[in-house]
């Protein structure tokens, strides 16, 4: 009887140890040990991303700039053929985004890729996600959208501190623009031409309009149209009668643009020779250089 009780006690001890060992393994399932996170991107899409993305990439030039401003450079594993800023981006492998080189993208094995609304289509994004690569979209209609986008990337990439420092710096510079507005030509109507034949411009519902707001100026296009970059007729531009045109030098426009549309020589911008060239990358890419873009426009509007 004594041996039987001893054996029973021994077996009970072994079972207890096994139970305790099993319980000790459970903390691995605690919330702070999650390996993925499901977020809403700027298009309202549910996107499941790794909690700590180690290999990321932007699918367009603007998003590449955003990532390099916030992410650990070593974690950025590629760029598109159009991504040329910052200079270190040129050291990364190239994935063509138009048309999208799906095979090349897959070989780089990104944990997540990031795209700008309107640059990468939803159809392309769907195809990439079928390959097991999550696509997170950001949308930029205002300067504040850029700042928010940087903060969102900071949270996603576990780089909150770096993103906050950058955003605080940009906000201080933007506040300085607002204080200086009184020194600039007030309420100048500015038309940004991005294509000459047909005439495409930056519409009202674009970040360009918000940049001008910091300078006390306004987009010459007064209403929101169906397209963010609408095509305008010559008659409509005559009605707008912009004070300033940005898109090229006066000499270049006089030779090329106004030779196509001589009737537009009646607008104020031509009459006063207020036609200026600006840096295309700064104008067309929403991103961390948004303050540089506003500074360039400030020089134009003096």
Protein backbone atom coordinates (compact mmCIF):
# COMPACT_ATOMS: atom_id res chain seq x y z
CA UNK A 1 0.00 0.00 0.00
CA UNK A 2 2.88 2.37 0.84
CA UNK A 3 4.54 1.77 -2.56
CA UNK A 4 1.22 2.34 -4.33
CA UNK A 5 0.65 5.65 -2.52
CA UNK A 6 4.21 6.76 -3.28
CA UNK A 7 3.79 5.94 -7.00
CA UNK A 8 0.47 7.79 -7.08
CA UNK A 9 2.03 10.85 -5.46
CA UNK A 10 4.91 10.75 -7.93
CA UNK A 11 2.56 10.59 -10.92
CA UNK A 12 0.52 13.49 -9.51
CA UNK A 13 3.70 15.56 -9.19
CA UNK A 14 4.69 14.82 -12.79
CA UNK A 15 1.23 15.78 -14.09
CA UNK A 16 1.32 18.99 -12.06
CA UNK A 17 4.71 19.91 -13.55
CA UNK A 18 3.43 19.27 -17.07
CA UNK A 19 0.35 21.41 -16.41
CA UNK A 20 2.44 24.29 -15.05
CA UNK A 21 4.79 24.06 -18.01
CA UNK A 22 1.83 24.30 -20.39
CA UNK A 23 0.53 27.34 -18.53
CA UNK A 24 3.93 29.06 -18.75
CA UNK A 25 3.81 28.84 -22.57
CA UNK A 26 0.59 30.88 -22.79
CA UNK A 27 2.12 34.40 -22.47
CA UNK A 28 3.36 34.06 -26.08
CA UNK A 29 -0.25 34.68 -27.09
CA UNK A 30 -0.55 37.94 -25.17
CA UNK A 31 -1.60 40.99 -27.25
CA UNK A 32 1.87 42.56 -27.14
CA UNK A 33 3.20 39.50 -28.93
CA UNK A 34 0.95 39.89 -31.99
CA UNK A 35 2.76 39.52 -35.29
CA UNK A 36 0.21 41.42 -37.39
CA UNK A 37 -2.05 44.47 -37.24
CA UNK A 38 -5.13 45.34 -39.28
CA UNK A 39 -5.44 49.04 -40.08
CA UNK A 40 -7.56 51.32 -42.24
CA UNK A 41 -5.55 53.10 -44.92
CA UNK A 42 -6.46 56.53 -46.34
CA UNK A 43 -8.85 54.95 -48.82
CA UNK A 44 -10.76 53.20 -46.04
CA UNK A 45 -9.38 49.78 -47.01
CA UNK A 46 -8.64 47.22 -44.27
CA UNK A 47 -4.99 46.25 -44.60
CA UNK A 48 -3.24 43.61 -42.49
CA UNK A 49 0.42 44.51 -41.96
CA UNK A 50 3.21 42.99 -39.89
CA UNK A 51 3.48 44.58 -36.45
CA UNK A 52 7.18 45.22 -37.08
CA UNK A 53 7.71 45.52 -40.87
CA UNK A 54 11.35 44.80 -41.68
CA UNK A 55 11.27 45.07 -45.48
CA UNK A 56 9.26 47.92 -47.02
CA UNK A 57 9.04 49.82 -50.29
CA UNK A 58 7.21 52.77 -51.87
CA UNK A 59 5.47 52.13 -55.19
CA UNK A 60 5.85 55.74 -56.38
CA UNK A 61 8.31 58.61 -55.99
CA UNK A 62 6.30 60.51 -53.37
CA UNK A 63 5.90 57.49 -51.14
CA UNK A 64 9.59 56.64 -51.46
CA UNK A 65 10.41 60.12 -50.14
CA UNK A 66 7.96 59.65 -47.29
CA UNK A 67 9.56 56.35 -46.29
CA UNK A 68 13.12 57.69 -46.42
CA UNK A 69 12.04 60.55 -44.17
CA UNK A 70 10.77 58.21 -41.45
CA UNK A 71 11.91 54.60 -41.89
CA UNK A 72 15.23 52.97 -41.11
CA UNK A 73 17.03 53.28 -44.46
CA UNK A 74 18.16 49.65 -44.27
CA UNK A 75 14.53 48.50 -44.18
CA UNK A 76 13.74 50.11 -47.56
CA UNK A 77 14.48 47.35 -50.03
CA UNK A 78 13.62 48.92 -53.39
CA UNK A 79 12.47 51.89 -55.45
CA UNK A 80 10.66 52.52 -58.72
CA UNK A 81 12.29 53.80 -61.90
CA UNK A 82 11.10 57.33 -61.05
CA UNK A 83 12.37 57.47 -57.47
CA UNK A 84 15.45 59.71 -57.36
CA UNK A 85 15.27 61.46 -54.00
CA UNK A 86 16.98 61.32 -51.58
CA UNK A 87 20.25 60.35 -53.28
CA UNK A 88 20.52 57.16 -51.22
CA UNK A 89 17.34 55.93 -52.94
CA UNK A 90 19.39 55.46 -56.11
CA UNK A 91 21.32 52.67 -54.38
CA UNK A 92 18.19 50.52 -54.02
CA UNK A 93 17.04 47.85 -56.52
CA UNK A 94 14.54 49.08 -59.11
CA UNK A 95 11.03 47.73 -59.58
CA UNK A 96 9.22 49.20 -62.57
CA UNK A 97 5.79 50.52 -61.57
CA UNK A 98 4.43 51.32 -65.04
CA UNK A 99 3.75 48.70 -66.06
CA UNK A 100 4.14 47.04 -62.69
CA UNK A 101 6.88 44.40 -62.64
CA UNK A 102 5.16 41.93 -60.33
CA UNK A 103 7.85 39.28 -60.70
CA UNK A 104 10.64 41.67 -59.71
CA UNK A 105 8.61 42.93 -56.75
CA UNK A 106 8.05 39.39 -55.52
CA UNK A 107 11.78 38.60 -55.63
CA UNK A 108 12.47 41.45 -53.17
CA UNK A 109 10.08 39.87 -50.64
CA UNK A 110 8.70 43.06 -49.02
CA UNK A 111 6.69 42.76 -45.82
CA UNK A 112 4.57 45.69 -46.99
CA UNK A 113 4.46 48.26 -49.78
CA UNK A 114 3.07 51.80 -49.68
CA UNK A 115 1.35 53.72 -52.48
CA UNK A 116 -0.08 57.18 -53.19
CA UNK A 117 -3.72 57.47 -54.22
CA UNK A 118 -4.05 58.14 -57.93
CA UNK A 119 -0.56 56.94 -58.82
CA UNK A 120 -1.04 53.21 -58.27
CA UNK A 121 -4.43 51.83 -59.29
CA UNK A 122 -6.60 49.66 -57.08
CA UNK A 123 -6.39 46.93 -59.72
CA UNK A 124 -2.60 46.85 -59.44
CA UNK A 125 -2.86 46.86 -55.65
CA UNK A 126 -5.26 43.92 -55.74
CA UNK A 127 -2.86 41.93 -57.87
CA UNK A 128 0.03 42.64 -55.49
CA UNK A 129 -2.06 41.56 -52.52
CA UNK A 130 -2.86 38.29 -54.27
CA UNK A 131 0.90 37.68 -54.12
CA UNK A 132 0.72 37.96 -50.32
CA UNK A 133 2.12 41.51 -50.12
CA UNK A 134 -0.09 44.07 -48.30
CA UNK A 135 -0.55 47.46 -50.00
CA UNK A 136 -1.21 50.52 -47.81
CA UNK A 137 -2.47 53.68 -49.56
CA UNK A 138 -1.96 57.26 -48.45
CA UNK A 139 -3.90 60.21 -49.89
CA UNK A 140 -2.71 63.82 -49.94
CA UNK A 141 -5.12 66.69 -50.63
CA UNK A 142 -3.56 69.17 -48.22
CA UNK A 143 -0.30 69.99 -46.46
CA UNK A 144 -1.74 68.63 -43.21
CA UNK A 145 -2.34 65.31 -44.99
CA UNK A 146 1.41 65.04 -45.55
CA UNK A 147 2.13 65.65 -41.87
CA UNK A 148 -0.50 63.12 -40.84
CA UNK A 149 0.89 60.63 -43.35
CA UNK A 150 4.36 60.92 -41.85
CA UNK A 151 2.96 60.27 -38.39
CA UNK A 152 0.97 57.27 -39.65
CA UNK A 153 4.11 55.80 -41.19
CA UNK A 154 5.92 56.36 -37.91
CA UNK A 155 3.33 54.30 -36.05
CA UNK A 156 3.25 51.54 -38.66
CA UNK A 157 7.04 51.23 -38.81
CA UNK A 158 7.63 51.63 -35.06
CA UNK A 159 9.40 54.95 -35.74
CA UNK A 160 7.09 57.27 -33.83
CA UNK A 161 9.89 59.35 -32.34
CA UNK A 162 11.55 60.04 -35.69
CA UNK A 163 8.23 60.93 -37.32
CA UNK A 164 7.21 63.24 -34.48
CA UNK A 165 10.53 65.11 -34.59
CA UNK A 166 10.21 65.66 -38.35
CA UNK A 167 6.57 66.74 -38.19
CA UNK A 168 7.27 69.22 -35.37
CA UNK A 169 10.05 70.76 -37.45
CA UNK A 170 7.83 71.08 -40.51
CA UNK A 171 5.00 72.60 -38.47
CA UNK A 172 7.31 75.31 -37.12
CA UNK A 173 8.36 76.24 -40.65
CA UNK A 174 4.74 76.34 -41.82
CA UNK A 175 3.84 78.68 -38.97
CA UNK A 176 6.61 81.01 -40.13
CA UNK A 177 5.06 81.14 -43.60
CA UNK A 178 1.75 82.18 -42.13
CA UNK A 179 3.43 85.04 -40.22
CA UNK A 180 5.13 86.27 -43.41
CA UNK A 181 1.99 86.26 -45.58
CA UNK A 182 1.48 90.02 -45.23
CA UNK A 183 4.75 90.63 -47.11
CA UNK A 184 3.54 88.87 -50.24
CA UNK A 185 1.24 89.91 -53.04
CA UNK A 186 -2.20 89.33 -51.57
CA UNK A 187 -4.80 87.14 -53.21
CA UNK A 188 -2.78 86.50 -56.38
CA UNK A 189 -4.58 83.97 -58.59
CA UNK A 190 -2.06 81.34 -59.65
CA UNK A 191 -2.50 78.82 -62.46
CA UNK A 192 -0.21 75.78 -62.42
CA UNK A 193 0.07 74.29 -65.91
CA UNK A 194 1.32 70.71 -66.03
CA UNK A 195 0.70 69.94 -69.74
CA UNK A 196 0.42 72.29 -72.69
CA UNK A 197 -1.54 70.49 -75.41
CA UNK A 198 -4.21 69.94 -74.22
CA UNK A 199 -3.88 72.34 -71.29
CA UNK A 200 -3.88 70.39 -68.03
CA UNK A 201 -3.57 72.18 -64.70
CA UNK A 202 -3.58 71.46 -60.99
CA UNK A 203 -7.23 71.66 -59.98
CA UNK A 204 -8.69 73.14 -56.85
CA UNK A 205 -8.90 69.89 -54.89
CA UNK A 206 -5.12 69.42 -54.84
CA UNK A 207 -2.31 70.06 -52.40
CA UNK A 208 -1.20 72.92 -54.68
CA UNK A 209 -4.22 74.96 -53.56
CA UNK A 210 -3.33 74.42 -49.91
CA UNK A 211 0.30 75.43 -50.49
CA UNK A 212 -0.90 78.75 -51.88
CA UNK A 213 -3.07 79.29 -48.81
CA UNK A 214 0.07 79.55 -46.67
CA UNK A 215 1.20 82.40 -48.92
CA UNK A 216 -1.99 84.42 -49.04
CA UNK A 217 -2.58 83.42 -52.68
CA UNK A 218 -5.19 81.23 -54.36
CA UNK A 219 -5.56 78.69 -57.12
CA UNK A 220 -6.91 80.44 -60.22
CA UNK A 221 -9.26 77.47 -60.72
CA UNK A 222 -12.15 78.51 -58.44
CA UNK A 223 -14.21 75.31 -58.34
CA UNK A 224 -13.65 71.60 -57.76
CA UNK A 225 -13.87 69.65 -60.99
CA UNK A 226 -14.32 65.95 -61.67
CA UNK A 227 -10.58 65.45 -62.19
CA UNK A 228 -7.88 66.66 -59.83
CA UNK A 229 -5.86 67.72 -62.89
CA UNK A 230 -8.53 68.93 -65.34
CA UNK A 231 -8.07 69.99 -68.95
CA UNK A 232 -9.07 73.62 -69.48
CA UNK A 233 -10.22 75.35 -72.64
CA UNK A 234 -8.63 78.58 -73.82
CA UNK A 235 -11.93 80.37 -73.30
CA UNK A 236 -12.07 79.26 -69.68
CA UNK A 237 -8.49 80.39 -69.02
CA UNK A 238 -9.34 83.81 -70.48
CA UNK A 239 -12.21 84.01 -67.99
CA UNK A 240 -9.91 82.99 -65.13
CA UNK A 241 -7.37 85.64 -66.15
CA UNK A 242 -4.66 84.40 -63.74
CA UNK A 243 -2.18 86.84 -62.21
CA UNK A 244 0.60 84.25 -62.23
CA UNK A 245 1.38 81.09 -64.19
CA UNK A 246 3.83 78.46 -62.95
CA UNK A 247 5.16 75.72 -65.17
CA UNK A 248 8.05 77.21 -67.16
CA UNK A 249 10.06 80.35 -67.86
CA UNK A 250 8.44 83.33 -69.56
CA UNK A 251 10.76 82.93 -72.54
CA UNK A 252 9.91 79.26 -72.99
CA UNK A 253 6.19 79.83 -72.66
CA UNK A 254 6.27 82.82 -74.99
CA UNK A 255 7.90 80.65 -77.65
CA UNK A 256 5.94 77.43 -77.15
CA UNK A 257 2.71 77.84 -75.18
CA UNK A 258 1.57 81.26 -76.40
CA UNK A 259 2.45 80.46 -80.01
CA UNK A 260 -0.16 77.69 -79.75
CA UNK A 261 -2.68 79.94 -78.00
CA UNK A 262 -1.92 83.55 -79.01
CA UNK A 263 -5.28 84.78 -77.71
CA UNK A 264 -4.09 83.95 -74.17
CA UNK A 265 -1.57 86.77 -74.38
CA UNK A 266 -4.39 88.94 -73.07
CA UNK A 267 -4.23 87.40 -69.57
CA UNK A 268 -2.55 89.33 -66.73
CA UNK A 269 0.20 86.73 -66.23
CA UNK A 270 1.47 87.29 -69.77
CA UNK A 271 0.94 91.04 -69.81
CA UNK A 272 2.95 91.43 -66.58
CA UNK A 273 5.48 88.71 -67.47
CA UNK A 274 4.60 86.78 -64.33
CA UNK A 275 5.28 83.31 -65.69
CA UNK A 276 7.76 81.24 -63.73
CA UNK A 277 9.51 77.91 -63.74
CA UNK A 278 9.31 75.81 -60.58
CA UNK A 279 10.87 72.48 -59.65
CA UNK A 280 8.64 69.74 -61.00
CA UNK A 281 9.47 67.22 -58.28
CA UNK A 282 8.56 69.67 -55.54
CA UNK A 283 5.31 70.61 -57.25
CA UNK A 284 4.14 67.16 -58.25
CA UNK A 285 5.22 65.02 -55.29
CA UNK A 286 3.39 65.34 -51.98
CA UNK A 287 5.94 64.52 -49.33
CA UNK A 288 8.35 65.75 -46.66
CA UNK A 289 9.76 68.43 -49.03
CA UNK A 290 6.39 70.21 -49.04
CA UNK A 291 7.92 73.14 -47.12
CA UNK A 292 10.60 73.52 -49.81
CA UNK A 293 7.85 73.67 -52.41
CA UNK A 294 6.04 76.43 -50.52
CA UNK A 295 9.32 78.31 -50.14
CA UNK A 296 9.86 78.16 -53.90
CA UNK A 297 6.35 79.47 -54.55
CA UNK A 298 7.00 82.23 -52.04
CA UNK A 299 9.94 83.44 -54.12
CA UNK A 300 7.69 83.48 -57.20
CA UNK A 301 4.98 85.52 -55.48
CA UNK A 302 7.20 88.21 -53.98
